[in-house]
Protein backbone atom coordinates (compact mmCIF):
# COMPACT_ATOMS: atom_id res chain seq x y z
CA MET A 1 -3.77 -23.54 5.30
CA ASP A 2 -1.58 -23.06 2.24
CA ASP A 3 1.94 -21.96 3.21
CA ILE A 4 1.70 -18.73 1.23
CA LEU A 5 -1.58 -17.81 2.95
CA LEU A 6 0.10 -18.35 6.31
CA GLU A 7 3.12 -16.28 5.22
CA SER A 8 0.86 -13.43 4.12
CA SER A 9 -1.08 -13.56 7.37
CA LEU A 10 2.10 -13.41 9.45
CA ILE A 11 3.41 -10.43 7.44
CA HIS A 12 0.10 -8.65 8.01
CA GLN A 13 0.31 -9.29 11.75
CA LYS A 14 3.84 -7.89 11.80
CA ALA A 15 2.65 -4.80 9.90
CA GLU A 16 -0.01 -4.17 12.51
CA GLN A 17 2.55 -4.57 15.27
CA LEU A 18 4.94 -2.17 13.54
CA LEU A 19 2.26 0.54 13.37
CA ARG A 20 1.51 0.04 17.06
CA ASP A 21 5.14 0.00 18.19
CA PHE A 22 6.09 3.13 16.24
CA GLN A 23 2.76 4.79 17.17
CA ILE A 24 2.23 5.86 13.57
CA VAL A 25 -1.50 6.51 13.83
CA GLU A 26 -1.06 8.47 17.06
CA MET A 27 1.52 10.75 15.44
CA TRP A 28 -0.86 11.62 12.65
CA LYS A 29 -3.81 12.06 14.96
CA SER A 30 -1.78 14.62 16.92
CA ILE A 31 -2.30 17.03 14.02
CA GLY A 32 -5.95 16.11 13.51
CA ALA A 33 -5.37 13.68 10.66
CA GLU A 34 -7.52 10.70 9.71
CA VAL A 35 -5.51 7.60 8.82
CA ARG A 36 -6.88 4.95 6.45
CA THR A 37 -5.26 1.76 5.20
CA VAL A 38 -5.01 1.06 1.47
CA GLY A 39 -3.49 -1.47 -0.89
CA SER A 40 -2.29 -4.92 0.13
CA PHE A 41 -2.36 -4.01 3.82
CA ARG A 42 -6.07 -3.17 3.62
CA SER A 43 -6.88 -6.23 1.49
CA SER A 44 -4.68 -8.66 3.46
CA LEU A 45 -2.77 -9.55 0.30
CA MET A 46 0.66 -8.81 1.74
CA ILE A 47 3.82 -10.55 0.58
CA ASP A 48 6.22 -7.61 0.54
CA LYS A 49 7.04 -5.85 3.79
CA ASP A 50 5.36 -2.67 2.64
CA ILE A 51 2.61 -0.73 4.41
CA ASP A 52 0.48 1.81 2.56
CA LEU A 53 -1.49 4.48 4.39
CA HIS A 54 -3.55 7.41 3.15
CA VAL A 55 -3.72 10.25 5.61
CA TYR A 56 -6.29 13.04 5.33
CA THR A 57 -5.74 16.52 6.72
CA SER A 58 -7.63 19.79 6.28
CA GLU A 59 -4.42 21.47 5.07
CA LEU A 60 -1.12 20.36 3.59
CA ASP A 61 1.35 21.91 6.00
CA ALA A 62 4.65 20.06 5.62
CA THR A 63 6.23 21.84 8.58
CA LYS A 64 3.45 20.69 10.88
CA THR A 65 3.72 17.14 9.57
CA PHE A 66 7.50 17.01 9.97
CA GLN A 67 7.01 18.07 13.58
CA ALA A 68 4.40 15.37 14.15
CA LEU A 69 6.63 12.70 12.60
CA THR A 70 9.77 13.78 14.50
CA PRO A 71 9.69 10.77 16.90
CA LEU A 72 9.60 8.44 13.88
CA LEU A 73 12.19 10.27 11.80
CA GLY A 74 14.54 10.48 14.79
CA ASP A 75 14.30 6.77 15.52
CA SER A 76 17.62 5.00 14.89
CA ARG A 77 15.78 2.18 13.09
CA VAL A 78 14.72 4.54 10.30
CA ILE A 79 17.30 4.31 7.53
CA LYS A 80 15.72 6.46 4.82
CA CYS A 81 13.02 9.09 4.41
CA LYS A 82 11.89 10.47 1.05
CA TYR A 83 9.54 13.44 1.01
CA ILE A 84 7.69 14.59 -2.11
CA ASN A 85 5.70 17.82 -2.22
CA GLY A 86 2.75 17.35 -4.53
CA ALA A 87 0.55 19.96 -2.89
CA GLU A 88 0.20 21.96 -6.11
CA THR A 89 -0.46 18.95 -8.34
CA ASP A 90 -3.87 17.55 -9.27
CA GLU A 91 -3.40 14.94 -6.52
CA HIS A 92 -3.09 17.60 -3.76
CA CYS A 93 -0.84 15.46 -1.60
CA LEU A 94 2.41 15.21 0.30
CA GLU A 95 4.26 11.90 0.15
CA TRP A 96 6.31 10.37 2.96
CA HIS A 97 8.27 7.22 2.07
CA ILE A 98 10.09 5.64 5.01
CA ALA A 99 12.45 2.66 5.09
CA LEU A 100 13.17 1.16 8.50
CA LYS A 101 14.61 -1.87 10.22
CA TYR A 102 12.29 -3.97 12.31
CA PHE A 103 11.92 -7.57 13.47
CA SER A 104 15.59 -8.58 13.62
CA ASP A 105 16.74 -6.13 10.94
CA GLU A 106 14.05 -6.88 8.37
CA ILE A 107 13.72 -3.91 6.01
CA TRP A 108 10.18 -2.51 5.90
CA THR A 109 8.81 0.36 3.87
CA LEU A 110 6.09 2.68 5.08
CA ASP A 111 4.42 4.76 2.37
CA MET A 112 2.20 7.49 3.79
CA ILE A 113 0.37 9.73 1.33
CA GLN A 114 -1.01 12.85 2.99
CA ILE A 115 -4.07 13.98 1.00
CA LEU A 116 -6.10 17.14 1.28
CA ALA A 117 -9.44 16.16 2.81
CA GLY A 118 -12.32 16.69 0.42
CA SER A 119 -10.13 16.70 -2.71
CA ALA A 120 -10.82 14.53 -5.74
CA LEU A 121 -8.86 11.54 -4.43
CA ASP A 122 -10.44 11.55 -0.96
CA GLY A 123 -11.46 7.92 -0.44
CA PHE A 124 -10.92 6.85 -4.05
CA PHE A 125 -8.22 4.24 -3.47
CA GLU A 126 -9.87 2.94 -0.31
CA GLU A 127 -13.01 2.30 -2.37
CA THR A 128 -10.92 0.62 -5.07
CA THR A 129 -9.34 -1.69 -2.50
CA ASP A 130 -12.75 -2.51 -1.05
CA ALA A 131 -14.01 -3.37 -4.55
CA ILE A 132 -11.03 -5.73 -4.95
CA ILE A 133 -11.79 -7.35 -1.59
CA ARG A 134 -15.42 -7.94 -2.65
CA ALA A 135 -14.27 -9.49 -5.93
CA LEU A 136 -11.83 -11.93 -4.33
CA THR A 137 -12.48 -15.64 -4.04
CA PRO A 138 -10.26 -18.11 -2.17
CA GLU A 139 -8.83 -19.18 -5.54
CA THR A 140 -8.05 -15.68 -6.81
CA ARG A 141 -6.60 -14.63 -3.45
CA LEU A 142 -4.17 -17.55 -3.66
CA ALA A 143 -3.37 -16.78 -7.31
CA ILE A 144 -2.53 -13.14 -6.51
CA LEU A 145 -0.28 -14.09 -3.61
CA LYS A 146 1.55 -16.68 -5.72
CA LEU A 147 2.19 -14.13 -8.46
CA LYS A 148 3.46 -11.60 -5.94
CA LYS A 149 5.74 -14.24 -4.44
CA ALA A 150 7.09 -15.17 -7.90
CA ALA A 151 8.10 -11.59 -8.74
CA PRO A 152 11.90 -11.27 -8.99
CA ALA A 153 13.54 -9.13 -6.31
CA GLY A 154 13.96 -5.53 -7.36
CA ASN A 155 11.34 -5.80 -10.11
CA TYR A 156 8.86 -3.05 -9.24
CA ILE A 157 5.28 -4.07 -9.97
CA CYS A 158 2.25 -2.10 -8.83
CA GLY A 159 -0.28 -4.11 -6.83
CA ILE A 160 -3.10 -3.05 -9.14
CA GLU A 161 -1.35 -4.93 -11.97
CA PHE A 162 -1.64 -8.23 -10.12
CA TYR A 163 -5.28 -7.58 -9.23
CA LYS A 164 -6.37 -6.64 -12.73
CA ALA A 165 -4.44 -9.50 -14.32
CA VAL A 166 -5.98 -12.12 -12.03
CA LEU A 167 -9.47 -10.76 -11.44
CA GLN A 168 -10.25 -9.46 -14.93
CA ASP A 169 -8.02 -11.38 -17.31
CA HIS A 170 -7.67 -14.71 -15.48
CA VAL A 171 -3.87 -14.74 -15.41
CA ARG A 172 -2.54 -17.50 -13.18
CA THR A 173 1.16 -18.13 -13.89
CA TRP A 174 4.21 -15.89 -13.84
CA GLU A 175 4.83 -16.57 -17.53
CA GLU A 176 1.28 -15.50 -18.36
CA PHE A 177 1.71 -12.41 -16.20
CA GLU A 178 4.91 -11.37 -17.97
CA GLN A 179 3.13 -11.62 -21.33
CA TRP A 180 0.08 -9.79 -19.94
CA ARG A 181 2.19 -6.83 -18.82
CA LYS A 182 3.51 -6.31 -22.34
CA SER A 183 0.03 -5.40 -23.58
CA ASN A 184 -1.25 -3.75 -20.40
CA PRO A 185 0.65 -0.51 -19.70
CA LEU A 186 0.48 0.84 -16.18
CA GLU A 187 -0.62 4.27 -17.38
CA GLY A 188 -4.26 4.77 -16.43
CA MET A 189 -4.47 1.44 -14.60
CA MET A 190 -4.56 3.12 -11.20
CA TYR A 191 -8.19 3.98 -11.88
CA TRP A 192 -9.25 0.41 -12.68
CA ARG A 193 -11.73 -1.42 -10.48
CA PRO A 194 -13.02 -5.00 -10.75
CA LYS A 195 -16.60 -5.67 -11.61
CA ALA A 196 -18.72 -6.94 -8.75
CA LEU A 197 -19.15 -10.69 -8.46
CA LYS A 198 -22.54 -11.97 -9.56
């Protein structure tokens, strides 16, 4: 197995363990929420220590959610929590961005987007990730991971950029990717999906 594939697999295993140890899913289920994985965690394309979850509830009650997440927020390993109230936006969501120390002081981020069940975005990004998974080949999986690994620290790049660049436009090197980004603005890209493999 290629070293980067092994690295990605180990990061994914750690992510699963983190969710179990902090009982993240159980906290959400305590208020009747449905938790779904998205992004690189769902597609097993993890390089960064970042876990993305979409959480669906029948109402967006921040007080109730804060109460449910109290065991997490009160944990001494949590070093930052950012809350964004987007309940009145078109996205109908509350955002919970957590930074925590885990596995010998590794810094992990946990991004949990609480979405109103039945709203326009219900299931959209899960379906996008599943379309990406179906479009992957062993070669493109490796290419995506290598690009993610090559990204300079602190240089924020959305996962969808890597996927579109590799799967649609056949980008393979970091130099090609840098040039590709200049003519591919992020605006509107969140709604891109790959075409199905023939």
